[in-house]
Protein backbone atom coordinates (compact mmCIF):
# COMPACT_ATOMS: atom_id res chain seq x y z
CA MET A 1 0.05 -0.04 0.05
CA LYS A 2 1.56 3.45 -1.24
CA ASN A 3 2.22 5.59 1.82
CA LEU A 4 -0.02 8.65 1.39
CA SER A 5 1.26 12.07 2.90
CA TYR A 6 -1.34 14.44 2.61
CA ILE A 7 -0.02 18.61 3.35
CA PHE A 8 -1.98 21.63 4.28
CA LEU A 9 0.40 24.98 4.34
CA PHE A 10 -0.45 27.32 6.44
CA ILE A 11 0.98 30.59 6.07
CA VAL A 12 0.85 32.50 8.90
CA SER A 13 1.88 36.41 9.31
CA VAL A 14 2.29 37.17 12.49
CA ASN A 15 4.20 40.25 14.27
CA ASN A 16 6.94 38.68 16.51
CA PHE A 17 8.36 35.68 15.57
CA VAL A 18 11.00 32.81 14.84
CA ASN A 19 14.26 30.74 14.71
CA ALA A 20 15.07 27.90 15.85
CA ASN A 21 15.86 24.94 13.71
CA ASN A 22 14.62 21.81 16.35
CA THR A 23 17.55 23.95 18.60
CA THR A 24 18.30 26.51 20.95
CA LEU A 25 19.37 29.46 18.70
CA LYS A 26 20.42 33.12 18.95
CA THR A 27 16.96 35.57 18.81
CA LYS A 28 17.55 38.21 16.34
CA SER A 29 19.01 35.83 13.53
CA SER A 30 17.60 35.57 10.43
CA LYS A 31 18.15 31.88 9.24
CA VAL A 32 15.27 30.06 8.01
CA VAL A 33 14.21 27.73 10.71
CA LYS A 34 12.28 24.86 11.03
CA HIS A 35 10.56 22.88 14.09
CA ASP A 36 8.80 19.29 13.84
CA VAL A 37 5.69 18.32 16.12
CA TYR A 38 4.59 15.09 16.21
CA PHE A 39 1.25 12.75 16.73
CA ASP A 40 0.51 9.46 17.66
CA THR A 41 -1.47 7.28 15.39
CA ASP A 42 -4.83 8.70 14.10
CA LYS A 43 -4.68 11.65 16.27
CA HIS A 44 -4.34 15.30 16.11
CA GLN A 45 -4.03 16.38 19.48
CA ILE A 46 -0.49 17.11 20.84
CA THR A 47 1.20 15.04 23.36
CA LYS A 48 2.77 16.30 26.65
CA GLU A 49 6.08 15.93 25.68
CA GLU A 50 5.87 17.11 21.86
CA PHE A 51 3.57 20.22 23.64
CA THR A 52 6.58 21.18 25.91
CA LYS A 53 8.88 20.99 23.10
CA LEU A 54 7.28 23.44 21.16
CA VAL A 55 6.46 25.86 23.92
CA GLN A 56 10.23 25.71 24.46
CA PHE A 57 10.77 26.46 20.72
CA LEU A 58 8.21 29.31 21.14
CA ASN A 59 10.00 30.85 23.96
CA GLU A 60 13.22 30.35 22.25
CA THR A 61 12.39 32.11 19.62
CA LYS A 62 9.50 34.73 20.43
CA ASP A 63 12.01 38.00 20.01
CA VAL A 64 12.74 37.79 16.16
CA ASP A 65 10.75 39.27 13.83
CA ILE A 66 9.54 37.10 11.05
CA GLU A 67 7.77 37.83 7.11
CA ARG A 68 5.41 34.62 7.38
CA MET A 69 5.42 31.16 8.62
CA SER A 70 4.38 27.82 7.07
CA ILE A 71 2.52 25.02 9.56
CA VAL A 72 2.54 21.72 7.39
CA GLY A 73 0.37 18.50 8.58
CA TYR A 74 1.12 15.23 7.29
CA CYS A 75 0.18 11.76 8.27
CA ASP A 76 0.90 8.39 7.48
CA ASP A 77 -0.23 5.63 5.15
CA ARG A 78 -3.07 4.18 7.34
CA GLY A 79 -6.39 5.21 6.26
CA ASN A 80 -8.32 6.13 2.99
CA ALA A 81 -7.46 9.07 1.00
CA ASN A 82 -9.74 11.43 2.22
CA TYR A 83 -9.50 10.21 5.77
CA ASN A 84 -6.11 11.25 5.86
CA LYS A 85 -6.74 14.25 4.14
CA THR A 86 -8.86 15.59 6.65
CA LEU A 87 -6.46 14.47 9.78
CA SER A 88 -3.28 16.09 8.24
CA ASN A 89 -5.60 19.30 8.28
CA LYS A 90 -6.82 18.83 11.78
CA ARG A 91 -3.13 18.75 12.74
CA ALA A 92 -2.08 21.83 10.93
CA GLU A 93 -5.05 23.89 12.68
CA ALA A 94 -4.49 22.20 16.05
CA ILE A 95 -0.84 23.46 16.15
CA LYS A 96 -1.92 26.86 14.10
CA LYS A 97 -4.29 27.46 17.52
CA ILE A 98 -1.52 27.17 20.07
CA ILE A 99 0.70 29.34 18.44
CA ILE A 100 -2.00 32.25 18.24
CA SER A 101 -2.79 31.37 21.55
CA TYR A 102 0.53 31.26 22.68
CA ARG A 103 1.50 34.68 21.32
CA ASN A 104 -1.33 36.27 22.57
CA SER A 105 -2.18 37.21 19.13
CA THR A 106 -5.29 39.95 18.86
CA LYS A 107 -6.15 39.16 15.12
CA GLN A 108 -6.14 36.25 13.09
CA PRO A 109 -2.98 35.60 11.39
CA GLU A 110 -3.90 35.60 7.35
CA ILE A 111 -3.88 32.28 5.53
CA LEU A 112 -1.85 32.51 2.41
CA ASN A 113 -2.13 29.40 0.77
CA VAL A 114 -3.58 25.76 1.49
CA LYS A 115 -2.81 22.81 -0.52
CA GLY A 116 -2.08 19.08 -0.17
CA LYS A 117 1.15 17.96 -1.77
CA GLY A 118 0.58 14.21 -3.08
CA GLU A 119 2.05 10.77 -1.95
CA VAL A 120 5.39 9.80 -0.26
CA ALA A 121 6.43 6.38 -1.00
CA LEU A 122 8.28 4.22 1.62
CA ASN A 123 11.40 3.19 0.42
CA THR A 124 12.05 -0.08 2.59
CA LYS A 125 10.65 -3.22 3.49
CA GLU A 126 12.79 -3.75 6.75
CA GLU A 127 9.72 -4.47 9.63
CA ALA A 128 11.74 -1.84 12.42
CA LEU A 129 12.78 0.83 9.92
CA PHE A 130 9.20 0.87 8.22
CA LYS A 131 7.46 1.41 11.43
CA GLU A 132 10.28 4.17 12.21
CA LEU A 133 9.06 6.01 9.30
CA ARG A 134 5.40 5.54 9.44
CA ALA A 135 6.09 7.83 12.57
CA LEU A 136 7.99 10.23 11.45
CA ASN A 137 5.03 11.07 8.66
CA ARG A 138 2.51 11.76 11.68
CA LYS A 139 3.76 15.09 12.60
CA VAL A 140 3.45 18.83 11.57
CA SER A 141 6.24 20.98 10.39
CA ILE A 142 6.59 24.67 11.30
CA VAL A 143 8.92 26.49 8.53
CA ILE A 144 9.59 30.27 9.09
CA ALA A 145 11.30 33.36 6.95
CA PRO A 146 12.20 35.88 9.28
CA LYS A 147 11.82 39.62 8.21
CA LYS A 148 15.67 39.91 7.39
CA LEU A 149 14.99 37.81 4.50
CA ILE A 150 15.40 40.42 2.33
CA ALA A 151 16.26 41.44 -1.06
CA GLY A 152 16.12 44.79 -2.93
CA SER A 153 19.62 46.44 -2.03
CA PHE A 154 20.25 42.93 -1.03
CA PHE A 155 22.01 43.87 2.11
CA ALA A 156 21.34 46.06 5.11
CA GLU A 157 24.51 47.89 6.29
CA ASP A 158 24.45 45.96 9.80
CA VAL A 159 24.75 42.86 7.71
CA ASN A 160 25.87 40.21 10.32
CA LYS A 161 27.38 36.39 10.35
CA GLY A 162 24.52 34.33 10.47
CA ASP A 163 22.44 36.39 7.85
CA LEU A 164 20.93 34.66 5.55
CA ILE A 165 19.87 36.45 2.89
CA ASN A 166 16.62 35.59 0.29
CA LEU A 167 17.70 36.96 -2.87
CA LYS A 168 14.21 37.36 -4.28
CA SER A 169 14.75 38.94 -7.08
CA LEU A 170 16.84 36.09 -8.88
CA ASN A 171 14.03 33.62 -10.36
CA PHE A 172 15.27 30.63 -12.07
CA VAL A 173 13.63 28.74 -14.76
CA LEU A 174 11.53 25.73 -13.88
CA GLY A 175 13.76 22.71 -13.83
CA TYR A 176 17.16 24.22 -14.98
CA ARG A 177 20.03 25.83 -13.34
CA TYR A 178 19.34 29.11 -15.30
CA LEU A 179 17.92 32.52 -14.20
CA THR A 180 14.90 34.10 -16.04
CA PRO A 181 16.34 37.04 -18.25
CA GLU A 182 14.39 39.72 -15.95
CA SER A 183 16.61 38.04 -13.31
CA LYS A 184 19.95 39.05 -15.08
CA LYS A 185 20.43 42.69 -14.20
CA ALA A 186 19.54 42.05 -10.31
CA LEU A 187 22.55 39.05 -10.63
CA GLN A 188 25.18 41.94 -11.91
CA GLU A 189 24.09 44.49 -9.26
CA LEU A 190 24.56 41.41 -6.94
CA ALA A 191 27.87 40.78 -8.19
CA ASP A 192 29.13 44.89 -8.37
CA PHE A 193 27.88 44.81 -4.69
CA LEU A 194 30.04 41.87 -3.83
CA VAL A 195 32.97 42.67 -5.49
CA LYS A 196 33.00 46.22 -3.51
CA ARG A 197 32.24 43.95 -0.12
CA THR A 198 35.68 42.41 0.19
CA ASP A 199 34.56 41.71 3.85
CA ILE A 200 31.78 39.65 3.18
CA PHE A 201 32.47 35.87 3.20
CA PHE A 202 29.88 33.54 2.26
CA THR A 203 28.06 30.43 1.38
CA ILE A 204 25.15 30.39 -1.66
CA ASN A 205 22.42 27.87 -0.12
CA GLY A 206 20.43 26.56 -3.76
CA HIS A 207 16.70 25.20 -2.97
CA VAL A 208 14.19 23.93 -5.44
CA CYS A 209 10.56 23.34 -5.46
CA CYS A 210 7.50 21.01 -6.24
CA THR A 211 9.34 17.48 -4.98
CA GLU A 212 7.86 15.68 -1.88
CA ASN A 213 9.00 15.45 1.64
CA GLY A 214 11.65 17.78 0.56
CA ARG A 215 13.86 16.05 -1.71
CA GLU A 216 15.82 17.12 -4.19
CA SER A 217 14.70 17.79 -8.22
CA ARG A 218 16.35 16.75 -11.19
CA ASP A 219 18.39 19.23 -13.31
CA ARG A 220 16.01 18.77 -16.38
CA GLU A 221 19.47 19.51 -18.90
CA THR A 222 21.88 16.61 -17.23
CA GLY A 223 19.14 14.32 -16.32
CA LYS A 224 20.99 14.62 -12.24
CA LEU A 225 19.24 14.73 -9.47
CA ASN A 226 21.28 18.07 -7.92
CA LEU A 227 18.96 20.91 -9.51
CA SER A 228 19.60 22.79 -5.59
CA VAL A 229 23.53 22.24 -6.21
CA VAL A 230 24.04 23.23 -9.58
CA ARG A 231 21.53 26.32 -9.34
CA ALA A 232 24.47 27.75 -6.03
CA LYS A 233 26.80 26.77 -8.68
CA TYR A 234 26.02 28.79 -11.57
CA ILE A 235 25.67 31.97 -9.34
CA ARG A 236 28.89 31.25 -7.76
CA ASP A 237 30.67 30.76 -10.90
CA TYR A 238 29.38 34.06 -12.18
CA LEU A 239 30.15 36.15 -9.05
CA VAL A 240 33.59 34.67 -9.19
CA LYS A 241 33.90 35.41 -12.67
CA ALA A 242 32.93 38.94 -12.14
CA GLY A 243 35.87 39.49 -9.62
CA VAL A 244 34.35 38.24 -6.72
CA ASP A 245 37.61 36.15 -4.59
CA ALA A 246 36.71 32.59 -5.02
CA LYS A 247 37.98 32.43 -1.75
CA ARG A 248 35.03 34.39 0.12
CA VAL A 249 32.61 31.98 -2.09
CA ARG A 250 31.04 28.66 -0.75
CA TYR A 251 28.15 27.01 -2.53
CA GLN A 252 25.86 24.32 -1.60
CA GLY A 253 22.35 22.95 -1.86
CA LEU A 254 19.77 22.41 0.02
CA ALA A 255 16.64 20.15 -2.00
CA GLY A 256 13.44 21.08 -1.09
CA LYS A 257 13.97 20.69 2.75
CA TYR A 258 13.44 24.67 3.34
CA ASN A 259 10.34 25.89 1.02
CA LEU A 260 8.58 29.23 1.89
CA GLY A 261 5.13 28.16 1.90
CA GLY A 262 3.91 30.46 -1.20
CA SER A 263 4.51 30.15 -4.54
CA THR A 264 6.79 27.49 -6.28
CA LYS A 265 8.57 30.22 -7.94
CA GLU A 266 9.70 31.76 -4.45
CA ASP A 267 10.63 28.18 -3.80
CA ARG A 268 13.26 27.86 -7.15
CA ARG A 269 15.60 30.31 -5.10
CA VAL A 270 19.16 30.65 -3.60
CA GLU A 271 20.19 32.34 -0.29
CA ILE A 272 23.45 33.90 0.88
CA LEU A 273 24.30 33.00 4.31
CA ILE A 274 26.86 35.39 5.77
CA ARG A 275 29.91 33.15 7.34
CA HIS A 276 32.20 35.78 8.21
CA ILE A 277 32.83 40.07 8.52
CA SER A 278 36.50 40.40 8.32
CA LYS A 279 37.84 43.74 9.89
């Protein structure tokens, strides 16, 4: 029986939030972060243990401003398609209510997008591993995009180590490493800026859209499953050719693990992580 994993995205605008990747992180940071809440079989009520972890996550991140938050509900393969769809929806709604209540929100957060993601197959026949993977599908994932993820002028003057800059004006062709024609001017502006700012050492993070369970996407030009990597490399190579010292630049692909929860166009992106600011 196929493993049906139905996902409902609730992208929530909240005034002050968040930065943690299931660990304690500094507030005022600006990384895209994720926290998972796990559920018992056939339940949408949060357990005491998971509630404690969620509250800890909220406490650790309460002083960070965000741009938006996605709450993504999943379920395992037990039950029929319609039942699983309803159950994953209830799980996402349950977490949303807890977050709203905890933060004493005075107005209902705006729901920007709601959709199902389809099926995710379990690629194992080992009973112990099968049970473990099935349990990992009974969850809600919370993904946060902080307000400091800005583009426009690309960098604020007070850029700091650990900042993550979402290059929103750089858009990729679906399935390819190449930028859309209207993005080329913005890429050159980015190169001009980074050539001047020789104090910034950074990593380019590549992302993809439209995959299940955070998987990598296939490069339609080569057929290889490395699209997020080659997107990051494409930007890196352009910057180096434009005059940015190669020693300052690293790149990596993060597949579809950190979708922002908006349009698929927004998820076909690269981000710059500031590793070091020299003095």
